[in-house]
All heavy atoms as atom14 arrays in JSON, in Angstrom:
{
  "sequence": "PGTTSRPATRLTEPAVDRPADIADEVAGVPAVGAGALLYDTVFTGV",
  "atom14_mask": [
    [1, 1, 1, 1, 1, 1, 1, 0, 0, 0, 0, 0, 0, 0],
    [1, 1, 1, 1, 0, 0, 0, 0, 0, 0, 0, 0, 0, 0],
    [1, 1, 1, 1, 1, 1, 1, 0, 0, 0, 0, 0, 0, 0],
    [1, 1, 1, 1, 1, 1, 1, 0, 0, 0, 0, 0, 0, 0],
    [1, 1, 1, 1, 1, 1, 0, 0, 0, 0, 0, 0, 0, 0],
    [1, 1, 1, 1, 1, 1, 1, 1, 1, 1, 1, 0, 0, 0],
    [1, 1, 1, 1, 1, 1, 1, 0, 0, 0, 0, 0, 0, 0],
    [1, 1, 1, 1, 1, 0, 0, 0, 0, 0, 0, 0, 0, 0],
    [1, 1, 1, 1, 1, 1, 1, 0, 0, 0, 0, 0, 0, 0],
    [1, 1, 1, 1, 1, 1, 1, 1, 1, 1, 1, 0, 0, 0],
    [1, 1, 1, 1, 1, 1, 1, 1, 0, 0, 0, 0, 0, 0],
    [1, 1, 1, 1, 1, 1, 1, 0, 0, 0, 0, 0, 0, 0],
    [1, 1, 1, 1, 1, 1, 1, 1, 1, 0, 0, 0, 0, 0],
    [1, 1, 1, 1, 1, 1, 1, 0, 0, 0, 0, 0, 0, 0],
    [1, 1, 1, 1, 1, 0, 0, 0, 0, 0, 0, 0, 0, 0],
    [1, 1, 1, 1, 1, 1, 1, 0, 0, 0, 0, 0, 0, 0],
    [1, 1, 1, 1, 1, 1, 1, 1, 0, 0, 0, 0, 0, 0],
    [1, 1, 1, 1, 1, 1, 1, 1, 1, 1, 1, 0, 0, 0],
    [1, 1, 1, 1, 1, 1, 1, 0, 0, 0, 0, 0, 0, 0],
    [1, 1, 1, 1, 1, 0, 0, 0, 0, 0, 0, 0, 0, 0],
    [1, 1, 1, 1, 1, 1, 1, 1, 0, 0, 0, 0, 0, 0],
    [1, 1, 1, 1, 1, 1, 1, 1, 0, 0, 0, 0, 0, 0],
    [1, 1, 1, 1, 1, 0, 0, 0, 0, 0, 0, 0, 0, 0],
    [1, 1, 1, 1, 1, 1, 1, 1, 0, 0, 0, 0, 0, 0],
    [1, 1, 1, 1, 1, 1, 1, 1, 1, 0, 0, 0, 0, 0],
    [1, 1, 1, 1, 1, 1, 1, 0, 0, 0, 0, 0, 0, 0],
    [1, 1, 1, 1, 1, 0, 0, 0, 0, 0, 0, 0, 0, 0],
    [1, 1, 1, 1, 0, 0, 0, 0, 0, 0, 0, 0, 0, 0],
    [1, 1, 1, 1, 1, 1, 1, 0, 0, 0, 0, 0, 0, 0],
    [1, 1, 1, 1, 1, 1, 1, 0, 0, 0, 0, 0, 0, 0],
    [1, 1, 1, 1, 1, 0, 0, 0, 0, 0, 0, 0, 0, 0],
    [1, 1, 1, 1, 1, 1, 1, 0, 0, 0, 0, 0, 0, 0],
    [1, 1, 1, 1, 0, 0, 0, 0, 0, 0, 0, 0, 0, 0],
    [1, 1, 1, 1, 1, 0, 0, 0, 0, 0, 0, 0, 0, 0],
    [1, 1, 1, 1, 0, 0, 0, 0, 0, 0, 0, 0, 0, 0],
    [1, 1, 1, 1, 1, 0, 0, 0, 0, 0, 0, 0, 0, 0],
    [1, 1, 1, 1, 1, 1, 1, 1, 0, 0, 0, 0, 0, 0],
    [1, 1, 1, 1, 1, 1, 1, 1, 0, 0, 0, 0, 0, 0],
    [1, 1, 1, 1, 1, 1, 1, 1, 1, 1, 1, 1, 0, 0],
    [1, 1, 1, 1, 1, 1, 1, 1, 0, 0, 0, 0, 0, 0],
    [1, 1, 1, 1, 1, 1, 1, 0, 0, 0, 0, 0, 0, 0],
    [1, 1, 1, 1, 1, 1, 1, 0, 0, 0, 0, 0, 0, 0],
    [1, 1, 1, 1, 1, 1, 1, 1, 1, 1, 1, 0, 0, 0],
    [1, 1, 1, 1, 1, 1, 1, 0, 0, 0, 0, 0, 0, 0],
    [1, 1, 1, 1, 0, 0, 0, 0, 0, 0, 0, 0, 0, 0],
    [1, 1, 1, 1, 1, 1, 1, 0, 0, 0, 0, 0, 0, 0]
  ],
  "atom14_positions": [
    [[-8.68, 5.18, 5.97], [-9.31, 4.23, 6.9], [-10.81, 4.47, 7.04], [-11.3, 5.58, 6.85], [-8.58, 4.49, 8.22], [-8.07, 5.88, 8.09], [-7.72, 6.06, 6.65], [0.0, 0.0, 0.0], [0.0, 0.0, 0.0], [0.0, 0.0, 0.0], [0.0, 0.0, 0.0], [0.0, 0.0, 0.0], [0.0, 0.0, 0.0], [0.0, 0.0, 0.0]],
    [[-11.52, 3.41, 7.39], [-12.95, 3.51, 7.58], [-13.31, 3.92, 9.0], [-12.44, 4.16, 9.84], [0.0, 0.0, 0.0], [0.0, 0.0, 0.0], [0.0, 0.0, 0.0], [0.0, 0.0, 0.0], [0.0, 0.0, 0.0], [0.0, 0.0, 0.0], [0.0, 0.0, 0.0], [0.0, 0.0, 0.0], [0.0, 0.0, 0.0], [0.0, 0.0, 0.0]],
    [[-14.6, 3.98, 9.26], [-15.13, 4.27, 10.59], [-16.11, 3.16, 10.95], [-16.3, 2.21, 10.2], [-15.84, 5.63, 10.62], [-17.01, 5.56, 9.76], [-14.93, 6.74, 10.1], [0.0, 0.0, 0.0], [0.0, 0.0, 0.0], [0.0, 0.0, 0.0], [0.0, 0.0, 0.0], [0.0, 0.0, 0.0], [0.0, 0.0, 0.0], [0.0, 0.0, 0.0]],
    [[-16.76, 3.28, 12.08], [-17.74, 2.26, 12.48], [-18.92, 2.21, 11.52], [-19.59, 1.19, 11.41], [-18.25, 2.55, 13.89], [-18.75, 3.9, 13.95], [-17.12, 2.39, 14.91], [0.0, 0.0, 0.0], [0.0, 0.0, 0.0], [0.0, 0.0, 0.0], [0.0, 0.0, 0.0], [0.0, 0.0, 0.0], [0.0, 0.0, 0.0], [0.0, 0.0, 0.0]],
    [[-19.18, 3.29, 10.82], [-20.34, 3.34, 9.92], [-19.96, 3.37, 8.45], [-20.84, 3.34, 7.59], [-21.19, 4.57, 10.23], [-20.43, 5.77, 10.06], [0.0, 0.0, 0.0], [0.0, 0.0, 0.0], [0.0, 0.0, 0.0], [0.0, 0.0, 0.0], [0.0, 0.0, 0.0], [0.0, 0.0, 0.0], [0.0, 0.0, 0.0], [0.0, 0.0, 0.0]],
    [[-18.66, 3.43, 8.15], [-18.23, 3.56, 6.76], [-16.98, 2.73, 6.52], [-16.03, 2.8, 7.3], [-17.94, 5.03, 6.45], [-17.38, 5.3, 5.06], [-17.1, 6.78, 4.85], [-16.18, 7.31, 5.84], [-14.86, 7.16, 5.78], [-14.31, 6.47, 4.81], [-14.08, 7.7, 6.71], [0.0, 0.0, 0.0], [0.0, 0.0, 0.0], [0.0, 0.0, 0.0]],
    [[-16.96, 1.92, 5.45], [-15.76, 1.12, 5.17], [-14.62, 1.98, 4.67], [-14.81, 3.16, 4.34], [-16.25, 0.16, 4.09], [-17.36, 0.88, 3.41], [-18.04, 1.67, 4.47], [0.0, 0.0, 0.0], [0.0, 0.0, 0.0], [0.0, 0.0, 0.0], [0.0, 0.0, 0.0], [0.0, 0.0, 0.0], [0.0, 0.0, 0.0], [0.0, 0.0, 0.0]],
    [[-13.43, 1.42, 4.63], [-12.27, 2.11, 4.09], [-12.55, 2.59, 2.67], [-13.22, 1.9, 1.89], [-11.05, 1.19, 4.11], [0.0, 0.0, 0.0], [0.0, 0.0, 0.0], [0.0, 0.0, 0.0], [0.0, 0.0, 0.0], [0.0, 0.0, 0.0], [0.0, 0.0, 0.0], [0.0, 0.0, 0.0], [0.0, 0.0, 0.0], [0.0, 0.0, 0.0]],
    [[-12.06, 3.76, 2.34], [-12.29, 4.36, 1.04], [-11.04, 4.26, 0.18], [-9.96, 4.67, 0.6], [-12.67, 5.85, 1.18], [-13.83, 5.96, 2.01], [-12.96, 6.47, -0.17], [0.0, 0.0, 0.0], [0.0, 0.0, 0.0], [0.0, 0.0, 0.0], [0.0, 0.0, 0.0], [0.0, 0.0, 0.0], [0.0, 0.0, 0.0], [0.0, 0.0, 0.0]],
    [[-11.2, 3.73, -1.02], [-10.06, 3.66, -1.94], [-9.83, 5.04, -2.54], [-10.74, 5.64, -3.13], [-10.31, 2.61, -3.02], [-9.17, 2.46, -3.99], [-9.15, 1.11, -4.72], [-10.46, 0.57, -4.97], [-11.22, 0.86, -6.01], [-10.78, 1.74, -6.9], [-12.4, 0.28, -6.16], [0.0, 0.0, 0.0], [0.0, 0.0, 0.0], [0.0, 0.0, 0.0]],
    [[-8.6, 5.55, -2.43], [-8.28, 6.9, -2.89], [-7.71, 6.91, -4.3], [-7.69, 7.96, -4.94], [-7.26, 7.54, -1.93], [-7.7, 7.68, -0.47], [-6.56, 8.24, 0.37], [-8.94, 8.57, -0.37], [0.0, 0.0, 0.0], [0.0, 0.0, 0.0], [0.0, 0.0, 0.0], [0.0, 0.0, 0.0], [0.0, 0.0, 0.0], [0.0, 0.0, 0.0]],
    [[-7.22, 5.78, -4.78], [-6.63, 5.69, -6.12], [-7.21, 4.5, -6.85], [-7.69, 3.54, -6.24], [-5.1, 5.52, -6.04], [-4.79, 4.31, -5.32], [-4.46, 6.71, -5.32], [0.0, 0.0, 0.0], [0.0, 0.0, 0.0], [0.0, 0.0, 0.0], [0.0, 0.0, 0.0], [0.0, 0.0, 0.0], [0.0, 0.0, 0.0], [0.0, 0.0, 0.0]],
    [[-7.16, 4.55, -8.16], [-7.58, 3.4, -8.96], [-6.56, 2.28, -8.8], [-5.36, 2.54, -8.63], [-7.69, 3.79, -10.44], [-8.85, 4.72, -10.75], [-10.19, 4.08, -10.42], [-10.39, 2.89, -10.73], [-11.04, 4.78, -9.82], [0.0, 0.0, 0.0], [0.0, 0.0, 0.0], [0.0, 0.0, 0.0], [0.0, 0.0, 0.0], [0.0, 0.0, 0.0]],
    [[-6.99, 1.03, -8.83], [-6.02, -0.06, -8.77], [-5.0, 0.06, -9.89], [-5.34, 0.43, -11.02], [-6.88, -1.31, -8.94], [-8.24, -0.89, -8.51], [-8.38, 0.54, -8.92], [0.0, 0.0, 0.0], [0.0, 0.0, 0.0], [0.0, 0.0, 0.0], [0.0, 0.0, 0.0], [0.0, 0.0, 0.0], [0.0, 0.0, 0.0], [0.0, 0.0, 0.0]],
    [[-3.75, -0.23, -9.59], [-2.67, -0.1, -10.57], [-1.76, -1.31, -10.48], [-1.75, -2.03, -9.48], [-1.87, 1.18, -10.32], [0.0, 0.0, 0.0], [0.0, 0.0, 0.0], [0.0, 0.0, 0.0], [0.0, 0.0, 0.0], [0.0, 0.0, 0.0], [0.0, 0.0, 0.0], [0.0, 0.0, 0.0], [0.0, 0.0, 0.0], [0.0, 0.0, 0.0]],
    [[-0.99, -1.53, -11.55], [0.03, -2.58, -11.54], [1.37, -1.91, -11.85], [1.5, -1.19, -12.83], [-0.29, -3.71, -12.54], [-0.43, -3.19, -13.96], [0.75, -4.81, -12.46], [0.0, 0.0, 0.0], [0.0, 0.0, 0.0], [0.0, 0.0, 0.0], [0.0, 0.0, 0.0], [0.0, 0.0, 0.0], [0.0, 0.0, 0.0], [0.0, 0.0, 0.0]],
    [[2.36, -2.13, -10.96], [3.65, -1.47, -11.1], [4.76, -2.34, -10.54], [4.52, -3.22, -9.71], [3.66, -0.13, -10.34], [2.82, 0.93, -10.99], [3.2, 1.4, -12.08], [1.78, 1.31, -10.41], [0.0, 0.0, 0.0], [0.0, 0.0, 0.0], [0.0, 0.0, 0.0], [0.0, 0.0, 0.0], [0.0, 0.0, 0.0], [0.0, 0.0, 0.0]],
    [[5.97, -2.06, -10.98], [7.15, -2.63, -10.33], [7.35, -1.9, -9.0], [7.25, -0.67, -8.95], [8.38, -2.49, -11.21], [8.36, -3.4, -12.43], [9.65, -3.3, -13.22], [9.65, -4.28, -14.31], [10.09, -5.52, -14.18], [10.58, -5.92, -13.02], [10.06, -6.36, -15.2], [0.0, 0.0, 0.0], [0.0, 0.0, 0.0], [0.0, 0.0, 0.0]],
    [[7.62, -2.62, -7.93], [7.76, -1.97, -6.63], [8.75, -0.81, -6.64], [8.49, 0.24, -6.02], [8.24, -3.12, -5.74], [7.65, -4.33, -6.35], [7.71, -4.09, -7.83], [0.0, 0.0, 0.0], [0.0, 0.0, 0.0], [0.0, 0.0, 0.0], [0.0, 0.0, 0.0], [0.0, 0.0, 0.0], [0.0, 0.0, 0.0], [0.0, 0.0, 0.0]],
    [[9.87, -0.95, -7.34], [10.87, 0.12, -7.35], [10.31, 1.42, -7.93], [10.75, 2.51, -7.54], [12.1, -0.33, -8.14], [0.0, 0.0, 0.0], [0.0, 0.0, 0.0], [0.0, 0.0, 0.0], [0.0, 0.0, 0.0], [0.0, 0.0, 0.0], [0.0, 0.0, 0.0], [0.0, 0.0, 0.0], [0.0, 0.0, 0.0], [0.0, 0.0, 0.0]],
    [[9.34, 1.3, -8.83], [8.78, 2.49, -9.47], [7.85, 3.28, -8.56], [7.52, 4.43, -8.87], [8.04, 2.11, -10.76], [8.97, 1.55, -11.83], [10.19, 1.81, -11.74], [8.48, 0.84, -12.73], [0.0, 0.0, 0.0], [0.0, 0.0, 0.0], [0.0, 0.0, 0.0], [0.0, 0.0, 0.0], [0.0, 0.0, 0.0], [0.0, 0.0, 0.0]],
    [[7.38, 2.65, -7.48], [6.45, 3.34, -6.57], [7.05, 3.48, -5.17], [6.34, 3.81, -4.22], [5.1, 2.62, -6.49], [5.28, 1.15, -6.03], [4.37, 2.67, -7.84], [3.97, 0.43, -5.78], [0.0, 0.0, 0.0], [0.0, 0.0, 0.0], [0.0, 0.0, 0.0], [0.0, 0.0, 0.0], [0.0, 0.0, 0.0], [0.0, 0.0, 0.0]],
    [[8.36, 3.26, -5.06], [9.0, 3.24, -3.75], [8.77, 4.54, -2.98], [8.5, 4.51, -1.77], [10.5, 2.98, -3.92], [0.0, 0.0, 0.0], [0.0, 0.0, 0.0], [0.0, 0.0, 0.0], [0.0, 0.0, 0.0], [0.0, 0.0, 0.0], [0.0, 0.0, 0.0], [0.0, 0.0, 0.0], [0.0, 0.0, 0.0], [0.0, 0.0, 0.0]],
    [[8.87, 5.67, -3.65], [8.71, 6.94, -2.96], [7.28, 7.13, -2.45], [7.06, 7.82, -1.46], [9.07, 8.11, -3.89], [10.57, 8.15, -4.2], [11.33, 7.52, -3.45], [10.94, 8.8, -5.2], [0.0, 0.0, 0.0], [0.0, 0.0, 0.0], [0.0, 0.0, 0.0], [0.0, 0.0, 0.0], [0.0, 0.0, 0.0], [0.0, 0.0, 0.0]],
    [[6.31, 6.52, -3.12], [4.91, 6.68, -2.74], [4.5, 5.8, -1.57], [3.58, 6.13, -0.82], [4.0, 6.39, -3.93], [4.18, 7.31, -5.12], [3.24, 6.94, -6.25], [2.03, 7.04, -6.06], [3.74, 6.53, -7.32], [0.0, 0.0, 0.0], [0.0, 0.0, 0.0], [0.0, 0.0, 0.0], [0.0, 0.0, 0.0], [0.0, 0.0, 0.0]],
    [[5.16, 4.66, -1.41], [4.7, 3.69, -0.41], [5.65, 3.51, 0.77], [5.29, 2.87, 1.76], [4.44, 2.31, -1.06], [3.42, 2.44, -2.18], [5.73, 1.69, -1.58], [0.0, 0.0, 0.0], [0.0, 0.0, 0.0], [0.0, 0.0, 0.0], [0.0, 0.0, 0.0], [0.0, 0.0, 0.0], [0.0, 0.0, 0.0], [0.0, 0.0, 0.0]],
    [[6.86, 4.06, 0.69], [7.84, 3.87, 1.77], [7.29, 4.43, 3.08], [6.85, 5.58, 3.15], [9.16, 4.54, 1.42], [0.0, 0.0, 0.0], [0.0, 0.0, 0.0], [0.0, 0.0, 0.0], [0.0, 0.0, 0.0], [0.0, 0.0, 0.0], [0.0, 0.0, 0.0], [0.0, 0.0, 0.0], [0.0, 0.0, 0.0], [0.0, 0.0, 0.0]],
    [[7.29, 3.6, 4.11], [6.86, 4.04, 5.44], [5.36, 4.08, 5.64], [4.89, 4.25, 6.77], [0.0, 0.0, 0.0], [0.0, 0.0, 0.0], [0.0, 0.0, 0.0], [0.0, 0.0, 0.0], [0.0, 0.0, 0.0], [0.0, 0.0, 0.0], [0.0, 0.0, 0.0], [0.0, 0.0, 0.0], [0.0, 0.0, 0.0], [0.0, 0.0, 0.0]],
    [[4.59, 3.9, 4.57], [3.12, 3.92, 4.67], [2.65, 2.55, 5.16], [3.11, 1.53, 4.62], [2.47, 4.26, 3.31], [0.95, 4.24, 3.42], [2.97, 5.6, 2.8], [0.0, 0.0, 0.0], [0.0, 0.0, 0.0], [0.0, 0.0, 0.0], [0.0, 0.0, 0.0], [0.0, 0.0, 0.0], [0.0, 0.0, 0.0], [0.0, 0.0, 0.0]],
    [[1.76, 2.46, 6.14], [1.24, 1.16, 6.55], [0.71, 0.4, 5.33], [0.02, 0.99, 4.48], [0.12, 1.51, 7.53], [0.53, 2.83, 8.09], [1.19, 3.55, 6.95], [0.0, 0.0, 0.0], [0.0, 0.0, 0.0], [0.0, 0.0, 0.0], [0.0, 0.0, 0.0], [0.0, 0.0, 0.0], [0.0, 0.0, 0.0], [0.0, 0.0, 0.0]],
    [[1.05, -0.88, 5.23], [0.67, -1.66, 4.05], [0.34, -3.08, 4.45], [0.92, -3.64, 5.38], [1.81, -1.66, 3.03], [0.0, 0.0, 0.0], [0.0, 0.0, 0.0], [0.0, 0.0, 0.0], [0.0, 0.0, 0.0], [0.0, 0.0, 0.0], [0.0, 0.0, 0.0], [0.0, 0.0, 0.0], [0.0, 0.0, 0.0], [0.0, 0.0, 0.0]],
    [[-0.62, -3.67, 3.73], [-0.99, -5.07, 3.94], [-1.07, -5.77, 2.59], [-1.17, -5.13, 1.54], [-2.35, -5.21, 4.67], [-2.29, -4.6, 6.05], [-3.49, -4.57, 3.85], [0.0, 0.0, 0.0], [0.0, 0.0, 0.0], [0.0, 0.0, 0.0], [0.0, 0.0, 0.0], [0.0, 0.0, 0.0], [0.0, 0.0, 0.0], [0.0, 0.0, 0.0]],
    [[-1.03, -7.1, 2.62], [-1.15, -7.89, 1.41], [0.14, -8.6, 1.06], [1.24, -8.22, 1.49], [0.0, 0.0, 0.0], [0.0, 0.0, 0.0], [0.0, 0.0, 0.0], [0.0, 0.0, 0.0], [0.0, 0.0, 0.0], [0.0, 0.0, 0.0], [0.0, 0.0, 0.0], [0.0, 0.0, 0.0], [0.0, 0.0, 0.0], [0.0, 0.0, 0.0]],
    [[0.0, -9.66, 0.27], [1.15, -10.49, -0.1], [2.2, -9.71, -0.87], [3.4, -9.99, -0.75], [0.68, -11.69, -0.92], [0.0, 0.0, 0.0], [0.0, 0.0, 0.0], [0.0, 0.0, 0.0], [0.0, 0.0, 0.0], [0.0, 0.0, 0.0], [0.0, 0.0, 0.0], [0.0, 0.0, 0.0], [0.0, 0.0, 0.0], [0.0, 0.0, 0.0]],
    [[1.78, -8.74, -1.67], [2.74, -7.94, -2.43], [3.61, -7.1, -1.52], [4.83, -6.98, -1.73], [0.0, 0.0, 0.0], [0.0, 0.0, 0.0], [0.0, 0.0, 0.0], [0.0, 0.0, 0.0], [0.0, 0.0, 0.0], [0.0, 0.0, 0.0], [0.0, 0.0, 0.0], [0.0, 0.0, 0.0], [0.0, 0.0, 0.0], [0.0, 0.0, 0.0]],
    [[3.01, -6.52, -0.49], [3.78, -5.72, 0.47], [4.74, -6.59, 1.26], [5.88, -6.2, 1.54], [2.82, -4.99, 1.4], [0.0, 0.0, 0.0], [0.0, 0.0, 0.0], [0.0, 0.0, 0.0], [0.0, 0.0, 0.0], [0.0, 0.0, 0.0], [0.0, 0.0, 0.0], [0.0, 0.0, 0.0], [0.0, 0.0, 0.0], [0.0, 0.0, 0.0]],
    [[4.31, -7.8, 1.62], [5.18, -8.72, 2.35], [6.34, -9.2, 1.48], [7.46, -9.34, 1.95], [4.36, -9.92, 2.83], [3.4, -9.66, 3.98], [2.4, -10.81, 4.1], [4.15, -9.47, 5.29], [0.0, 0.0, 0.0], [0.0, 0.0, 0.0], [0.0, 0.0, 0.0], [0.0, 0.0, 0.0], [0.0, 0.0, 0.0], [0.0, 0.0, 0.0]],
    [[6.05, -9.42, 0.21], [7.08, -9.93, -0.7], [8.16, -8.89, -0.97], [9.35, -9.23, -1.09], [6.42, -10.36, -2.02], [7.29, -11.02, -3.08], [7.91, -12.31, -2.54], [6.46, -11.32, -4.32], [0.0, 0.0, 0.0], [0.0, 0.0, 0.0], [0.0, 0.0, 0.0], [0.0, 0.0, 0.0], [0.0, 0.0, 0.0], [0.0, 0.0, 0.0]],
    [[7.77, -7.62, -1.03], [8.71, -6.55, -1.33], [8.82, -5.6, -0.14], [8.59, -4.4, -0.26], [8.26, -5.81, -2.6], [8.21, -6.7, -3.82], [6.99, -7.19, -4.29], [9.37, -7.09, -4.49], [6.93, -8.03, -5.4], [9.33, -7.92, -5.6], [8.11, -8.39, -6.05], [8.07, -9.21, -7.14], [0.0, 0.0, 0.0], [0.0, 0.0, 0.0]],
    [[9.18, -6.15, 0.99], [9.2, -5.35, 2.22], [10.35, -4.36, 2.29], [10.38, -3.51, 3.18], [9.19, -6.25, 3.46], [10.38, -7.22, 3.51], [11.21, -7.2, 2.58], [10.45, -7.98, 4.49], [0.0, 0.0, 0.0], [0.0, 0.0, 0.0], [0.0, 0.0, 0.0], [0.0, 0.0, 0.0], [0.0, 0.0, 0.0], [0.0, 0.0, 0.0]],
    [[11.31, -4.44, 1.37], [12.34, -3.4, 1.32], [11.82, -2.13, 0.66], [12.41, -1.06, 0.81], [13.57, -3.89, 0.54], [13.18, -4.28, -0.78], [14.22, -5.08, 1.25], [0.0, 0.0, 0.0], [0.0, 0.0, 0.0], [0.0, 0.0, 0.0], [0.0, 0.0, 0.0], [0.0, 0.0, 0.0], [0.0, 0.0, 0.0], [0.0, 0.0, 0.0]],
    [[10.7, -2.25, -0.07], [10.04, -1.09, -0.67], [8.86, -0.66, 0.19], [8.71, 0.51, 0.54], [9.56, -1.41, -2.1], [8.7, -0.28, -2.65], [10.75, -1.66, -3.01], [0.0, 0.0, 0.0], [0.0, 0.0, 0.0], [0.0, 0.0, 0.0], [0.0, 0.0, 0.0], [0.0, 0.0, 0.0], [0.0, 0.0, 0.0], [0.0, 0.0, 0.0]],
    [[8.01, -1.65, 0.57], [6.87, -1.37, 1.45], [7.37, -1.47, 2.9], [7.09, -2.43, 3.62], [5.74, -2.37, 1.2], [5.1, -2.26, -0.16], [5.62, -2.96, -1.24], [4.0, -1.44, -0.36], [5.03, -2.85, -2.5], [3.41, -1.33, -1.61], [3.93, -2.03, -2.68], [0.0, 0.0, 0.0], [0.0, 0.0, 0.0], [0.0, 0.0, 0.0]],
    [[8.1, -0.46, 3.31], [8.77, -0.53, 4.61], [7.82, -0.4, 5.79], [8.2, -0.67, 6.93], [9.86, 0.55, 4.72], [9.27, 1.84, 4.46], [10.97, 0.29, 3.7], [0.0, 0.0, 0.0], [0.0, 0.0, 0.0], [0.0, 0.0, 0.0], [0.0, 0.0, 0.0], [0.0, 0.0, 0.0], [0.0, 0.0, 0.0], [0.0, 0.0, 0.0]],
    [[6.57, -0.02, 5.53], [5.59, 0.07, 6.6], [4.67, -1.15, 6.65], [3.6, -1.09, 7.25], [0.0, 0.0, 0.0], [0.0, 0.0, 0.0], [0.0, 0.0, 0.0], [0.0, 0.0, 0.0], [0.0, 0.0, 0.0], [0.0, 0.0, 0.0], [0.0, 0.0, 0.0], [0.0, 0.0, 0.0], [0.0, 0.0, 0.0], [0.0, 0.0, 0.0]],
    [[5.08, -2.26, 6.04], [4.22, -3.44, 5.94], [3.84, -3.93, 7.34], [4.67, -3.98, 8.26], [4.91, -4.55, 5.13], [6.19, -5.03, 5.78], [3.96, -5.72, 4.9], [0.0, 0.0, 0.0], [0.0, 0.0, 0.0], [0.0, 0.0, 0.0], [0.0, 0.0, 0.0], [0.0, 0.0, 0.0], [0.0, 0.0, 0.0], [0.0, 0.0, 0.0]]
  ]
}
């Protein structure tokens, strides 16, 4: 997350994956975007 003086920092390079392949990495993590909404059984923190 960002601060009042600094925007959010990307920690990883953008990637393209099947949701099931990254389920362990994203489960329960706050998530935004149409992809997270579409696969909310994987992005459980959407």
